[in-house]
């Protein structure tokens, strides 16, 4: 089969497909469809986290990075100065926040979330 024939066959197959499962729904049905899809997705992510293998979502990745930064601050490990610098830039108009975060991390009042679950 030459490339043009293959392309035409693919085109014909794609043209025969029905529109997506929500393509023909009205606005209320579409809202319900996406709400159910979101509920299923959240349940799947929650189940993965409970099983000890969290889904690599942006939120979970950010939590893991926050855990690392807290541990670095709490132990004054290499990189602590960079974490302080980032906190200083983020809270430039609230200069007491970086010191408060570091104090809470060192005192155990601000603890990592994900690491505690996996240990």
Protein backbone atom coordinates (compact mmCIF):
# COMPACT_ATOMS: atom_id res chain seq x y z
CA UNK A 1 0.00 0.00 0.00
CA UNK A 2 1.51 3.32 -1.01
CA UNK A 3 1.61 6.25 1.46
CA UNK A 4 -1.27 8.10 -0.23
CA UNK A 5 -3.55 5.06 0.04
CA UNK A 6 -2.58 4.57 3.70
CA UNK A 7 -3.35 8.21 4.41
CA UNK A 8 -6.74 7.97 2.72
CA UNK A 9 -7.56 4.80 4.65
CA UNK A 10 -6.61 6.51 7.91
CA UNK A 11 -8.73 9.52 6.95
CA UNK A 12 -11.73 7.30 6.23
CA UNK A 13 -11.35 5.46 9.55
CA UNK A 14 -11.10 8.71 11.47
CA UNK A 15 -14.11 10.16 9.67
CA UNK A 16 -16.21 7.14 10.67
CA UNK A 17 -15.48 7.59 14.36
CA UNK A 18 -18.14 9.19 16.48
CA UNK A 19 -17.34 12.43 18.21
CA UNK A 20 -15.97 12.03 21.74
CA UNK A 21 -18.16 10.66 24.48
CA UNK A 22 -19.11 14.20 25.51
CA UNK A 23 -19.22 15.84 22.09
CA UNK A 24 -22.98 15.64 21.70
CA UNK A 25 -23.94 16.57 25.26
CA UNK A 26 -25.69 19.78 26.22
CA UNK A 27 -24.07 22.12 28.74
CA UNK A 28 -25.67 20.56 31.85
CA UNK A 29 -24.80 17.02 30.75
CA UNK A 30 -21.26 18.08 29.86
CA UNK A 31 -20.84 19.69 33.30
CA UNK A 32 -22.05 16.47 34.92
CA UNK A 33 -19.72 14.38 32.71
CA UNK A 34 -16.64 16.44 33.63
CA UNK A 35 -17.61 16.53 37.33
CA UNK A 36 -17.76 12.74 37.35
CA UNK A 37 -14.46 12.49 35.47
CA UNK A 38 -12.83 14.83 38.01
CA UNK A 39 -14.24 12.81 40.90
CA UNK A 40 -12.81 9.60 39.43
CA UNK A 41 -9.46 11.24 38.82
CA UNK A 42 -9.24 12.59 42.39
CA UNK A 43 -10.19 9.15 43.77
CA UNK A 44 -7.49 7.51 41.65
CA UNK A 45 -4.84 10.00 42.86
CA UNK A 46 -5.96 9.54 46.47
CA UNK A 47 -5.86 5.75 46.13
CA UNK A 48 -2.38 5.87 44.64
CA UNK A 49 -1.15 8.03 47.53
CA UNK A 50 -2.71 5.74 50.13
CA UNK A 51 -1.00 2.72 48.57
CA UNK A 52 2.41 4.34 49.05
CA UNK A 53 2.91 5.10 45.36
CA UNK A 54 1.59 8.64 44.91
CA UNK A 55 0.70 9.79 41.42
CA UNK A 56 3.28 12.20 40.00
CA UNK A 57 0.87 15.14 39.86
CA UNK A 58 2.12 18.70 40.00
CA UNK A 59 0.70 19.08 43.52
CA UNK A 60 2.46 15.96 44.83
CA UNK A 61 5.74 16.98 43.19
CA UNK A 62 5.48 20.44 44.78
CA UNK A 63 4.80 18.84 48.18
CA UNK A 64 7.88 16.63 47.80
CA UNK A 65 10.01 19.65 46.91
CA UNK A 66 8.58 21.57 49.87
CA UNK A 67 9.46 18.61 52.12
CA UNK A 68 13.03 18.71 50.82
CA UNK A 69 13.30 22.46 51.43
CA UNK A 70 11.94 22.08 54.98
CA UNK A 71 14.43 19.32 55.75
CA UNK A 72 17.28 21.40 54.33
CA UNK A 73 16.27 24.38 56.48
CA UNK A 74 15.71 22.29 59.61
CA UNK A 75 19.16 20.71 59.40
CA UNK A 76 21.00 23.67 57.88
CA UNK A 77 22.15 21.28 55.15
CA UNK A 78 23.96 22.43 52.01
CA UNK A 79 21.51 24.52 50.01
CA UNK A 80 19.87 26.11 53.07
CA UNK A 81 21.15 29.53 52.05
CA UNK A 82 19.49 29.16 48.65
CA UNK A 83 16.19 28.14 50.27
CA UNK A 84 16.45 31.21 52.54
CA UNK A 85 17.14 33.36 49.48
CA UNK A 86 14.08 32.03 47.65
CA UNK A 87 11.89 32.59 50.72
CA UNK A 88 13.32 36.10 50.98
CA UNK A 89 12.44 36.87 47.37
CA UNK A 90 8.94 35.41 47.62
CA UNK A 91 8.20 37.23 50.88
CA UNK A 92 10.16 40.39 50.06
CA UNK A 93 7.47 42.64 51.53
CA UNK A 94 7.21 40.46 54.67
CA UNK A 95 10.82 40.10 55.81
CA UNK A 96 10.01 38.16 58.99
CA UNK A 97 8.46 35.20 57.16
CA UNK A 98 11.69 33.43 56.07
CA UNK A 99 13.07 33.47 59.63
CA UNK A 100 9.71 32.33 60.99
CA UNK A 101 9.62 29.41 58.52
CA UNK A 102 13.16 28.39 59.42
CA UNK A 103 12.43 28.61 63.15
CA UNK A 104 9.32 26.46 62.76
CA UNK A 105 11.20 23.93 60.62
CA UNK A 106 14.04 23.64 63.16
CA UNK A 107 11.59 23.42 66.07
CA UNK A 108 9.51 20.70 64.43
CA UNK A 109 6.38 22.84 64.22
CA UNK A 110 6.49 22.76 60.42
CA UNK A 111 7.06 19.21 59.27
CA UNK A 112 7.35 17.48 55.90
CA UNK A 113 4.08 15.90 54.74
CA UNK A 114 5.05 13.23 52.24
CA UNK A 115 8.27 12.00 53.82
CA UNK A 116 6.47 11.31 57.09
CA UNK A 117 4.05 9.05 55.21
CA UNK A 118 6.75 7.06 53.44
CA UNK A 119 8.99 6.40 56.47
